[in-house]
Amino acid sequence: MDYYKAVTLDKLSWYDLKTKWEPGAIIRPDKITISDEPCGHGIHCSPNIFGAVTYQQGPSIYCLVEPGKIIASDKTKVRCESVKCIRFLNKMETDRAAGFMLWEANHPVNPFLIKTQVKSKNWLEKNLKNWASVGASVRDSVWDSVWDSVWASVGASVWASVSDSVGGSVRASVSDSVRAYIGGLFHNVKNWKYLPNNPDPWRPLLNLWYAGYVPSFDGTVWRLHSGEKAEIVLECTHFED
């Protein structure tokens, strides 16, 4: 059986932000709680990557580990006297183990910080129109479909990455776009609530996002923002057929 451990992007333990995880290293706790409870002092790891995600406290990378003597366990973790770090998972291995784009969830694409792809006005309006047609209830379905899963442990890093780039007046109006980007990372979900016949409802938003554009809507006007200052590059109050 494979076991996993989530550590910071700097390969430090989330427990103390000091202990360094390196391939071949054997990690031991400062003390051990002698009990049959899965929680307590010891070194924890998980029998699947979802368990490791549950206990991370921010953007992470994942170790394949070998547990030493197991003191106690539950469905999401084992508590051990020691754990050997075998190696770190690469992007492909991380995503395969999770079944969704977990690597990108921990290394989110910030469309305000990438080089904007120059697109025609027609292309921008087409994708913005298609995204507007999805509807607010469908854009919110990422909450109902995946938020209660392991995503709750990593989704905040996506929001922080993007919201830090925009002012308060824009931040609220781009929230639908951020949620949709989150939804787009779950390529394994093929039946989204509110839109069962569209397995990829986030595609118009993702087309814009990866090109460096972020839609916002204030209830009347649709806008596209781009660049480090989230400048408005397009405004639409209605769309031509």
C-alpha atoms as a PDB file:
ATOM      1  CA  MET A   1       0.000   0.000   0.000  1.00  0.00           C
ATOM      2  CA  ASP A   2       1.201   3.505  -0.834  1.00  0.00           C
ATOM      3  CA  TYR A   3       1.227   6.201   1.835  1.00  0.00           C
ATOM      4  CA  TYR A   4       1.360   9.954   1.285  1.00  0.00           C
ATOM      5  CA  LYS A   5       2.389  13.071   3.154  1.00  0.00           C
ATOM      6  CA  ALA A   6       1.596  16.699   2.288  1.00  0.00           C
ATOM      7  CA  VAL A   7       4.377  19.191   2.982  1.00  0.00           C
ATOM      8  CA  THR A   8       4.859  22.864   2.157  1.00  0.00           C
ATOM      9  CA  LEU A   9       6.159  23.953  -1.236  1.00  0.00           C
ATOM     10  CA  ASP A  10       9.499  24.457   0.539  1.00  0.00           C
ATOM     11  CA  LYS A  11       9.363  20.784   1.639  1.00  0.00           C
ATOM     12  CA  LEU A  12       8.792  21.609   5.296  1.00  0.00           C
ATOM     13  CA  SER A  13       6.437  19.903   7.729  1.00  0.00           C
ATOM     14  CA  TRP A  14       3.104  21.660   8.190  1.00  0.00           C
ATOM     15  CA  TYR A  15       3.324  20.737  11.881  1.00  0.00           C
ATOM     16  CA  ASP A  16       6.264  22.970  12.810  1.00  0.00           C
ATOM     17  CA  LEU A  17       7.292  24.612   9.501  1.00  0.00           C
ATOM     18  CA  LYS A  18      10.853  23.561  10.348  1.00  0.00           C
ATOM     19  CA  THR A  19      11.292  19.849   9.748  1.00  0.00           C
ATOM     20  CA  LYS A  20      12.762  19.291   6.280  1.00  0.00           C
ATOM     21  CA  TRP A  21      11.483  16.425   4.148  1.00  0.00           C
ATOM     22  CA  GLU A  22      14.016  14.984   1.718  1.00  0.00           C
ATOM     23  CA  PRO A  23      14.149  11.699  -0.204  1.00  0.00           C
ATOM     24  CA  GLY A  24      15.755   9.055   1.992  1.00  0.00           C
ATOM     25  CA  ALA A  25      15.221  11.011   5.219  1.00  0.00           C
ATOM     26  CA  ILE A  26      13.608   9.291   8.189  1.00  0.00           C
ATOM     27  CA  ILE A  27      11.398  11.739  10.062  1.00  0.00           C
ATOM     28  CA  ARG A  28      10.781  11.225  13.771  1.00  0.00           C
ATOM     29  CA  PRO A  29       8.565  13.222  16.142  1.00  0.00           C
ATOM     30  CA  ASP A  30       9.778  15.287  19.069  1.00  0.00           C
ATOM     31  CA  LYS A  31       7.692  13.000  21.295  1.00  0.00           C
ATOM     32  CA  ILE A  32       5.162  10.199  20.994  1.00  0.00           C
ATOM     33  CA  THR A  33       1.741   9.894  22.612  1.00  0.00           C
ATOM     34  CA  ILE A  34       1.236   6.353  23.827  1.00  0.00           C
ATOM     35  CA  SER A  35      -2.411   5.628  23.095  1.00  0.00           C
ATOM     36  CA  ASP A  36      -4.575   3.948  20.500  1.00  0.00           C
ATOM     37  CA  GLU A  37      -5.958   7.291  19.286  1.00  0.00           C
ATOM     38  CA  PRO A  38      -5.062   8.211  15.662  1.00  0.00           C
ATOM     39  CA  CYS A  39      -4.539  11.835  16.712  1.00  0.00           C
ATOM     40  CA  GLY A  40      -1.629  12.629  18.987  1.00  0.00           C
ATOM     41  CA  HIS A  41       2.100  13.100  18.911  1.00  0.00           C
ATOM     42  CA  GLY A  42       3.828  11.027  16.270  1.00  0.00           C
ATOM     43  CA  ILE A  43       4.404  11.273  12.530  1.00  0.00           C
ATOM     44  CA  HIS A  44       1.227  11.094  10.463  1.00  0.00           C
ATOM     45  CA  CYS A  45       0.763   9.979   6.871  1.00  0.00           C
ATOM     46  CA  SER A  46      -2.237   8.868   4.816  1.00  0.00           C
ATOM     47  CA  PRO A  47      -3.109   5.697   2.895  1.00  0.00           C
ATOM     48  CA  ASN A  48      -4.349   7.812  -0.021  1.00  0.00           C
ATOM     49  CA  ILE A  49      -3.578  11.263  -1.352  1.00  0.00           C
ATOM     50  CA  PHE A  50      -6.999  12.605  -0.338  1.00  0.00           C
ATOM     51  CA  GLY A  51      -6.140  12.040   3.294  1.00  0.00           C
ATOM     52  CA  ALA A  52      -2.907  13.974   2.852  1.00  0.00           C
ATOM     53  CA  VAL A  53      -4.791  16.849   1.206  1.00  0.00           C
ATOM     54  CA  THR A  54      -7.256  16.983   4.093  1.00  0.00           C
ATOM     55  CA  TYR A  55      -4.490  17.824   6.560  1.00  0.00           C
ATOM     56  CA  GLN A  56      -2.534  20.350   4.541  1.00  0.00           C
ATOM     57  CA  GLN A  57      -2.740  23.979   5.618  1.00  0.00           C
ATOM     58  CA  GLY A  58      -1.931  25.641   2.310  1.00  0.00           C
ATOM     59  CA  PRO A  59      -0.363  24.975  -1.117  1.00  0.00           C
ATOM     60  CA  SER A  60       1.530  21.700  -0.880  1.00  0.00           C
ATOM     61  CA  ILE A  61       3.526  19.036  -2.622  1.00  0.00           C
ATOM     62  CA  TYR A  62       3.264  15.355  -1.817  1.00  0.00           C
ATOM     63  CA  CYS A  63       5.724  12.714  -0.664  1.00  0.00           C
ATOM     64  CA  LEU A  64       5.428   9.010  -1.224  1.00  0.00           C
ATOM     65  CA  VAL A  65       6.419   7.679   2.196  1.00  0.00           C
ATOM     66  CA  GLU A  66       7.044   4.442   4.051  1.00  0.00           C
ATOM     67  CA  PRO A  67       5.596   4.364   7.570  1.00  0.00           C
ATOM     68  CA  GLY A  68       7.610   2.895  10.405  1.00  0.00           C
ATOM     69  CA  LYS A  69       5.890   1.243  13.334  1.00  0.00           C
ATOM     70  CA  ILE A  70       2.209   2.229  13.213  1.00  0.00           C
ATOM     71  CA  ILE A  71       0.810   3.281  16.593  1.00  0.00           C
ATOM     72  CA  ALA A  72      -2.794   4.006  15.598  1.00  0.00           C
ATOM     73  CA  SER A  73      -4.888   4.684  12.519  1.00  0.00           C
ATOM     74  CA  ASP A  74      -8.248   5.726  11.091  1.00  0.00           C
ATOM     75  CA  LYS A  75      -9.642   6.010   7.559  1.00  0.00           C
ATOM     76  CA  THR A  76      -7.598   9.103   6.637  1.00  0.00           C
ATOM     77  CA  LYS A  77      -4.266   8.670   8.431  1.00  0.00           C
ATOM     78  CA  VAL A  78      -1.887   6.506  10.407  1.00  0.00           C
ATOM     79  CA  ARG A  79       0.206   7.707  13.350  1.00  0.00           C
ATOM     80  CA  CYS A  80       3.711   6.288  13.361  1.00  0.00           C
ATOM     81  CA  GLU A  81       6.901   6.255  15.387  1.00  0.00           C
ATOM     82  CA  SER A  82       8.730   7.330  12.210  1.00  0.00           C
ATOM     83  CA  VAL A  83       8.176   7.851   8.488  1.00  0.00           C
ATOM     84  CA  LYS A  84      10.697   7.503   5.673  1.00  0.00           C
ATOM     85  CA  CYS A  85      10.396   9.943   2.777  1.00  0.00           C
ATOM     86  CA  ILE A  86      10.835   7.901  -0.388  1.00  0.00           C
ATOM     87  CA  ARG A  87      10.368  10.603  -3.035  1.00  0.00           C
ATOM     88  CA  PHE A  88       8.202  13.525  -4.118  1.00  0.00           C
ATOM     89  CA  LEU A  89       5.430  13.051  -6.654  1.00  0.00           C
ATOM     90  CA  ASN A  90       5.732  14.934  -9.926  1.00  0.00           C
ATOM     91  CA  LYS A  91       2.820  16.736 -11.586  1.00  0.00           C
ATOM     92  CA  MET A  92       1.583  13.728 -13.561  1.00  0.00           C
ATOM     93  CA  GLU A  93       1.752  11.403 -10.564  1.00  0.00           C
ATOM     94  CA  THR A  94      -0.029  13.927  -8.331  1.00  0.00           C
ATOM     95  CA  ASP A  95      -2.899  14.416 -10.753  1.00  0.00           C
ATOM     96  CA  ARG A  96      -3.210  10.696 -11.461  1.00  0.00           C
ATOM     97  CA  ALA A  97      -3.360   9.836  -7.762  1.00  0.00           C
ATOM     98  CA  ALA A  98      -6.012  12.503  -7.124  1.00  0.00           C
ATOM     99  CA  GLY A  99      -8.075  12.113 -10.286  1.00  0.00           C
ATOM    100  CA  PHE A 100      -8.180  15.875 -10.810  1.00  0.00           C
ATOM    101  CA  MET A 101      -5.686  18.700 -11.405  1.00  0.00           C
ATOM    102  CA  LEU A 102      -4.345  18.714  -7.859  1.00  0.00           C
ATOM    103  CA  TRP A 103      -0.925  19.998  -8.900  1.00  0.00           C
ATOM    104  CA  GLU A 104      -2.417  23.120 -10.444  1.00  0.00           C
ATOM    105  CA  ALA A 105      -4.677  23.562  -7.424  1.00  0.00           C
ATOM    106  CA  ASN A 106      -1.482  23.990  -5.418  1.00  0.00           C
ATOM    107  CA  HIS A 107       0.210  26.041  -8.155  1.00  0.00           C
ATOM    108  CA  PRO A 108      -2.757  28.055  -9.492  1.00  0.00           C
ATOM    109  CA  VAL A 109      -2.509  30.020 -12.712  1.00  0.00           C
ATOM    110  CA  ASN A 110      -2.968  33.705 -11.943  1.00  0.00           C
ATOM    111  CA  PRO A 111      -4.292  35.204 -15.197  1.00  0.00           C
ATOM    112  CA  PHE A 112      -3.284  38.694 -14.054  1.00  0.00           C
ATOM    113  CA  LEU A 113       0.378  37.655 -13.865  1.00  0.00           C
ATOM    114  CA  ILE A 114       0.782  35.693 -17.094  1.00  0.00           C
ATOM    115  CA  LYS A 115       1.565  37.180 -20.476  1.00  0.00           C
ATOM    116  CA  THR A 116      -1.762  38.118 -22.038  1.00  0.00           C
ATOM    117  CA  GLN A 117      -2.478  36.469 -25.364  1.00  0.00           C
ATOM    118  CA  VAL A 118      -3.658  39.035 -27.896  1.00  0.00           C
ATOM    119  CA  LYS A 119      -7.114  37.946 -29.031  1.00  0.00           C
ATOM    120  CA  SER A 120      -9.592  39.495 -31.435  1.00  0.00           C
ATOM    121  CA  LYS A 121     -12.561  41.389 -30.044  1.00  0.00           C
ATOM    122  CA  ASN A 122     -14.806  38.795 -31.667  1.00  0.00           C
ATOM    123  CA  TRP A 123     -13.024  35.951 -29.820  1.00  0.00           C
ATOM    124  CA  LEU A 124     -13.253  37.788 -26.509  1.00  0.00           C
ATOM    125  CA  GLU A 125     -16.932  38.622 -26.947  1.00  0.00           C
ATOM    126  CA  LYS A 126     -17.787  35.090 -28.066  1.00  0.00           C
ATOM    127  CA  ASN A 127     -16.245  33.489 -24.993  1.00  0.00           C
ATOM    128  CA  LEU A 128     -17.632  36.144 -22.683  1.00  0.00           C
ATOM    129  CA  LYS A 129     -21.113  35.672 -24.157  1.00  0.00           C
ATOM    130  CA  ASN A 130     -20.864  31.892 -23.803  1.00  0.00           C
ATOM    131  CA  TRP A 131     -19.759  32.292 -20.218  1.00  0.00           C
ATOM    132  CA  ALA A 132     -22.560  34.751 -19.445  1.00  0.00           C
ATOM    133  CA  SER A 133     -25.072  32.268 -20.833  1.00  0.00           C
ATOM    134  CA  VAL A 134     -24.016  29.588 -18.360  1.00  0.00           C
ATOM    135  CA  GLY A 135     -25.951  31.294 -15.587  1.00  0.00           C
ATOM    136  CA  ALA A 136     -25.132  32.124 -11.992  1.00  0.00           C
ATOM    137  CA  SER A 137     -26.637  28.940 -10.566  1.00  0.00           C
ATOM    138  CA  VAL A 138     -24.352  26.805 -12.716  1.00  0.00           C
ATOM    139  CA  ARG A 139     -21.337  28.924 -11.893  1.00  0.00           C
ATOM    140  CA  ASP A 140     -22.138  28.319  -8.233  1.00  0.00           C
ATOM    141  CA  SER A 141     -22.468  24.577  -8.724  1.00  0.00           C
ATOM    142  CA  VAL A 142     -18.780  24.055  -8.026  1.00  0.00           C
ATOM    143  CA  TRP A 143     -19.628  24.770  -4.397  1.00  0.00           C
ATOM    144  CA  ASP A 144     -22.351  22.103  -4.329  1.00  0.00           C
ATOM    145  CA  SER A 145     -20.440  19.579  -6.422  1.00  0.00           C
ATOM    146  CA  VAL A 146     -16.927  19.626  -4.998  1.00  0.00           C
ATOM    147  CA  TRP A 147     -16.505  22.124  -2.170  1.00  0.00           C
ATOM    148  CA  ASP A 148     -17.358  19.572   0.538  1.00  0.00           C
ATOM    149  CA  SER A 149     -14.684  17.230  -0.779  1.00  0.00           C
ATOM    150  CA  VAL A 150     -10.906  17.526  -0.375  1.00  0.00           C
ATOM    151  CA  TRP A 151     -11.067  20.789  -2.304  1.00  0.00           C
ATOM    152  CA  ALA A 152     -11.817  22.724   0.870  1.00  0.00           C
ATOM    153  CA  SER A 153      -8.189  22.211   1.881  1.00  0.00           C
ATOM    154  CA  VAL A 154      -6.676  23.741  -1.249  1.00  0.00           C
ATOM    155  CA  GLY A 155      -9.284  26.018  -2.822  1.00  0.00           C
ATOM    156  CA  ALA A 156      -8.340  28.968  -0.634  1.00  0.00           C
ATOM    157  CA  SER A 157      -4.927  29.184  -2.277  1.00  0.00           C
ATOM    158  CA  VAL A 158      -6.556  29.807  -5.673  1.00  0.00           C
ATOM    159  CA  TRP A 159      -8.732  32.603  -4.304  1.00  0.00           C
ATOM    160  CA  ALA A 160      -5.808  34.173  -2.449  1.00  0.00           C
ATOM    161  CA  SER A 161      -3.617  34.092  -5.547  1.00  0.00           C
ATOM    162  CA  VAL A 162      -6.150  35.933  -7.692  1.00  0.00           C
ATOM    163  CA  SER A 163      -7.882  38.197  -5.186  1.00  0.00           C
ATOM    164  CA  ASP A 164      -4.558  39.666  -4.059  1.00  0.00           C
ATOM    165  CA  SER A 165      -4.149  41.007  -7.593  1.00  0.00           C
ATOM    166  CA  VAL A 166      -7.361  43.013  -7.719  1.00  0.00           C
ATOM    167  CA  GLY A 167      -8.866  45.854  -5.743  1.00  0.00           C
ATOM    168  CA  GLY A 168     -11.760  45.428  -3.364  1.00  0.00           C
ATOM    169  CA  SER A 169     -14.305  46.861  -5.792  1.00  0.00           C
ATOM    170  CA  VAL A 170     -13.442  44.223  -8.398  1.00  0.00           C
ATOM    171  CA  ARG A 171     -12.702  41.329  -6.049  1.00  0.00           C
ATOM    172  CA  ALA A 172     -16.355  40.537  -5.310  1.00  0.00           C
ATOM    173  CA  SER A 173     -17.432  40.701  -8.951  1.00  0.00           C
ATOM    174  CA  VAL A 174     -14.751  38.243 -10.147  1.00  0.00           C
ATOM    175  CA  SER A 175     -15.704  35.638  -7.532  1.00  0.00           C
ATOM    176  CA  ASP A 176     -17.778  33.665 -10.054  1.00  0.00           C
ATOM    177  CA  SER A 177     -14.755  33.463 -12.327  1.00  0.00           C
ATOM    178  CA  VAL A 178     -12.543  32.202  -9.527  1.00  0.00           C
ATOM    179  CA  ARG A 179     -15.098  29.552  -8.617  1.00  0.00           C
ATOM    180  CA  ALA A 180     -15.341  28.486 -12.242  1.00  0.00           C
ATOM    181  CA  TYR A 181     -11.572  28.148 -12.529  1.00  0.00           C
ATOM    182  CA  ILE A 182     -11.722  25.915  -9.454  1.00  0.00           C
ATOM    183  CA  GLY A 183     -14.455  23.848 -11.105  1.00  0.00           C
ATOM    184  CA  GLY A 184     -12.381  23.515 -14.257  1.00  0.00           C
ATOM    185  CA  LEU A 185      -9.643  21.750 -12.317  1.00  0.00           C
ATOM    186  CA  PHE A 186     -12.052  18.884 -11.620  1.00  0.00           C
ATOM    187  CA  HIS A 187     -11.928  17.394 -15.101  1.00  0.00           C
ATOM    188  CA  ASN A 188     -13.059  14.071 -13.647  1.00  0.00           C
ATOM    189  CA  VAL A 189     -16.533  15.483 -12.877  1.00  0.00           C
ATOM    190  CA  LYS A 190     -18.760  14.836 -15.890  1.00  0.00           C
ATOM    191  CA  ASN A 191     -22.184  15.566 -14.403  1.00  0.00           C
ATOM    192  CA  TRP A 192     -22.361  19.038 -12.909  1.00  0.00           C
ATOM    193  CA  LYS A 193     -25.339  20.042 -10.801  1.00  0.00           C
ATOM    194  CA  TYR A 194     -27.797  22.337 -12.640  1.00  0.00           C
ATOM    195  CA  LEU A 195     -26.313  21.434 -16.033  1.00  0.00           C
ATOM    196  CA  PRO A 196     -26.263  17.635 -16.373  1.00  0.00           C
ATOM    197  CA  ASN A 197     -25.927  17.644 -20.153  1.00  0.00           C
ATOM    198  CA  ASN A 198     -22.781  19.788 -20.252  1.00  0.00           C
ATOM    199  CA  PRO A 199     -19.705  17.932 -18.963  1.00  0.00           C
ATOM    200  CA  ASP A 200     -17.479  20.998 -19.373  1.00  0.00           C
ATOM    201  CA  PRO A 201     -19.516  24.097 -18.436  1.00  0.00           C
ATOM    202  CA  TRP A 202     -16.402  26.011 -17.424  1.00  0.00           C
ATOM    203  CA  ARG A 203     -14.767  25.946 -20.874  1.00  0.00           C
ATOM    204  CA  PRO A 204     -15.574  29.557 -21.982  1.00  0.00           C
ATOM    205  CA  LEU A 205     -14.196  30.889 -18.699  1.00  0.00           C
ATOM    206  CA  LEU A 206     -11.089  28.705 -18.933  1.00  0.00           C
ATOM    207  CA  ASN A 207     -10.452  29.853 -22.508  1.00  0.00           C
ATOM    208  CA  LEU A 208     -10.357  33.421 -21.221  1.00  0.00           C
ATOM    209  CA  TRP A 209      -8.487  32.619 -18.003  1.00  0.00           C
ATOM    210  CA  TYR A 210      -5.570  30.826 -19.641  1.00  0.00           C
ATOM    211  CA  ALA A 211      -5.311  33.638 -22.201  1.00  0.00           C
ATOM    212  CA  GLY A 212      -4.954  36.188 -19.386  1.00  0.00           C
ATOM    213  CA  TYR A 213      -8.508  37.552 -19.136  1.00  0.00           C
ATOM    214  CA  VAL A 214     -10.872  37.481 -16.151  1.00  0.00           C
ATOM    215  CA  PRO A 215     -14.602  38.237 -16.504  1.00  0.00           C
ATOM    216  CA  SER A 216     -16.547  40.221 -13.924  1.00  0.00           C
ATOM    217  CA  PHE A 217     -20.222  41.120 -13.714  1.00  0.00           C
ATOM    218  CA  ASP A 218     -21.754  43.843 -11.531  1.00  0.00           C
ATOM    219  CA  GLY A 219     -25.351  42.912 -12.277  1.00  0.00           C
ATOM    220  CA  THR A 220     -25.553  45.132 -15.354  1.00  0.00           C
ATOM    221  CA  VAL A 221     -22.228  45.239 -17.175  1.00  0.00           C
ATOM    222  CA  TRP A 222     -19.924  42.374 -18.138  1.00  0.00           C
ATOM    223  CA  ARG A 223     -16.233  43.279 -18.180  1.00  0.00           C
ATOM    224  CA  LEU A 224     -12.962  41.612 -19.020  1.00  0.00           C
ATOM    225  CA  HIS A 225      -9.912  42.468 -16.922  1.00  0.00           C
ATOM    226  CA  SER A 226      -6.296  41.820 -17.842  1.00  0.00           C
ATOM    227  CA  GLY A 227      -2.757  42.633 -16.721  1.00  0.00           C
ATOM    228  CA  GLU A 228      -1.167  43.153 -13.313  1.00  0.00           C
ATOM    229  CA  LYS A 229      -3.518  46.038 -12.526  1.00  0.00           C
ATOM    230  CA  ALA A 230      -6.618  44.115 -13.655  1.00  0.00           C
ATOM    231  CA  GLU A 231      -7.388  46.851 -16.169  1.00  0.00           C
ATOM    232  CA  ILE A 232     -10.692  46.750 -18.065  1.00  0.00           C
ATOM    233  CA  VAL A 233     -10.124  45.743 -21.686  1.00  0.00           C
ATOM    234  CA  LEU A 234     -13.733  45.090 -22.738  1.00  0.00           C
ATOM    235  CA  GLU A 235     -17.213  46.067 -21.546  1.00  0.00           C
ATOM    236  CA  CYS A 236     -20.531  44.611 -22.690  1.00  0.00           C
ATOM    237  CA  THR A 237     -24.031  45.510 -21.571  1.00  0.00           C
ATOM    238  CA  HIS A 238     -25.554  43.153 -24.138  1.00  0.00           C
ATOM    239  CA  PHE A 239     -24.329  40.642 -26.700  1.00  0.00           C
ATOM    240  CA  GLU A 240     -25.077  40.550 -30.393  1.00  0.00           C
ATOM    241  CA  ASP A 241     -26.440  37.271 -31.787  1.00  0.00           C
END
